[in-house]
């Protein structure tokens, strides 16, 4: 069974890139837009610029864990896309979490 809180469709990603608002930090780029649903959806990306598959998978794991710790304080009804930057390589989870918290606060997505 598929989880309803993950963004999968190309049209949703295109809508996020073209009409969504963005905020950039040291380790993360964040795109967000209202989705008209009662719940928020999210996605975590790491391009090949981040590194080989091991580094990309680690970057996504760090993003997911940082999101999980703040999930209860994030406003509902948004599509949120987190993109890892190349600078994330070799960074501890606490630093990524601080960066994500700053991006969410800057975007007005925290309750």
Protein backbone atom coordinates (compact mmCIF):
# COMPACT_ATOMS: atom_id res chain seq x y z
CA UNK A 1 0.00 0.00 0.00
CA UNK A 2 1.34 3.43 -0.95
CA UNK A 3 1.81 6.13 1.63
CA UNK A 4 -0.34 9.21 0.88
CA UNK A 5 2.15 11.65 2.44
CA UNK A 6 4.86 11.26 -0.22
CA UNK A 7 5.00 13.27 -3.47
CA UNK A 8 5.43 10.98 -6.48
CA UNK A 9 3.79 12.52 -9.56
CA UNK A 10 5.81 14.51 -12.08
CA UNK A 11 3.04 17.14 -12.29
CA UNK A 12 3.30 17.76 -8.54
CA UNK A 13 7.07 18.23 -8.78
CA UNK A 14 6.66 20.54 -11.79
CA UNK A 15 4.06 22.57 -9.89
CA UNK A 16 6.42 22.87 -6.92
CA UNK A 17 9.30 24.08 -9.09
CA UNK A 18 7.29 26.52 -11.19
CA UNK A 19 4.76 27.98 -8.73
CA UNK A 20 6.18 27.10 -5.32
CA UNK A 21 8.16 29.33 -3.01
CA UNK A 22 11.74 28.45 -2.15
CA UNK A 23 14.24 29.02 0.61
CA UNK A 24 17.90 28.09 0.59
CA UNK A 25 20.27 27.26 3.40
CA UNK A 26 23.76 25.94 3.85
CA UNK A 27 22.80 22.28 3.45
CA UNK A 28 19.20 22.30 2.15
CA UNK A 29 17.00 23.93 -0.47
CA UNK A 30 13.30 23.90 0.37
CA UNK A 31 10.34 24.32 -2.01
CA UNK A 32 6.78 24.53 -0.70
CA UNK A 33 3.27 25.23 -1.97
CA UNK A 34 -0.27 24.74 -0.64
CA UNK A 35 -1.75 21.45 -1.85
CA UNK A 36 -5.46 21.81 -0.96
CA UNK A 37 -5.43 18.60 1.10
CA UNK A 38 -5.91 18.03 4.82
CA UNK A 39 -2.40 16.65 5.18
CA UNK A 40 1.08 17.64 4.09
CA UNK A 41 3.12 15.70 1.56
CA UNK A 42 6.89 15.68 1.30
CA UNK A 43 9.79 14.49 -0.85
CA UNK A 44 13.55 14.31 -0.32
CA UNK A 45 15.99 14.62 -3.23
CA UNK A 46 19.73 14.38 -3.64
CA UNK A 47 21.14 14.86 -7.12
CA UNK A 48 24.31 13.32 -8.51
CA UNK A 49 26.11 16.55 -7.59
CA UNK A 50 25.92 15.41 -3.96
CA UNK A 51 28.10 12.40 -4.71
CA UNK A 52 27.88 8.72 -5.52
CA UNK A 53 24.98 6.56 -4.37
CA UNK A 54 26.28 6.09 -0.83
CA UNK A 55 26.52 9.85 -0.23
CA UNK A 56 23.14 10.51 -1.88
CA UNK A 57 21.42 7.83 0.21
CA UNK A 58 23.01 9.18 3.39
CA UNK A 59 21.89 12.71 2.52
CA UNK A 60 18.30 11.50 2.00
CA UNK A 61 18.41 9.55 5.29
CA UNK A 62 19.59 12.67 7.13
CA UNK A 63 16.82 14.74 5.55
CA UNK A 64 14.16 12.16 6.45
CA UNK A 65 15.35 11.91 10.05
CA UNK A 66 15.48 15.69 10.46
CA UNK A 67 11.97 15.97 9.01
CA UNK A 68 10.70 13.24 11.34
CA UNK A 69 11.86 15.17 14.42
CA UNK A 70 10.00 18.34 13.31
CA UNK A 71 6.99 16.69 11.65
CA UNK A 72 4.56 17.37 14.50
CA UNK A 73 5.26 21.14 14.33
CA UNK A 74 4.82 21.56 10.55
CA UNK A 75 1.63 23.12 9.20
CA UNK A 76 -0.76 20.79 7.38
CA UNK A 77 -1.90 21.26 3.78
CA UNK A 78 1.46 21.83 2.06
CA UNK A 79 3.63 20.02 -0.45
CA UNK A 80 7.23 20.29 0.75
CA UNK A 81 10.33 19.35 -1.23
CA UNK A 82 13.74 19.12 0.45
CA UNK A 83 16.81 19.05 -1.80
CA UNK A 84 20.24 18.16 -0.41
CA UNK A 85 23.16 20.37 -1.37
CA UNK A 86 26.70 19.20 -2.08
CA UNK A 87 27.86 20.77 1.20
CA UNK A 88 25.93 18.11 3.15
CA UNK A 89 28.70 15.55 2.59
CA UNK A 90 30.25 14.50 5.90
CA UNK A 91 27.90 16.60 8.05
CA UNK A 92 26.38 15.33 11.31
CA UNK A 93 22.63 14.90 11.70
CA UNK A 94 22.35 17.72 14.26
CA UNK A 95 23.66 20.30 11.82
CA UNK A 96 21.22 19.17 9.11
CA UNK A 97 18.40 19.32 11.65
CA UNK A 98 19.31 22.91 12.60
CA UNK A 99 19.43 23.90 8.93
CA UNK A 100 16.05 22.28 8.26
CA UNK A 101 14.48 24.00 11.29
CA UNK A 102 15.80 27.35 10.05
CA UNK A 103 14.41 26.74 6.54
CA UNK A 104 10.98 25.73 7.89
CA UNK A 105 10.89 28.79 10.17
CA UNK A 106 12.03 31.08 7.35
CA UNK A 107 9.27 29.70 5.11
CA UNK A 108 6.59 30.10 7.78
CA UNK A 109 5.76 26.39 7.82
CA UNK A 110 6.16 25.88 11.58
CA UNK A 111 3.21 26.11 13.95
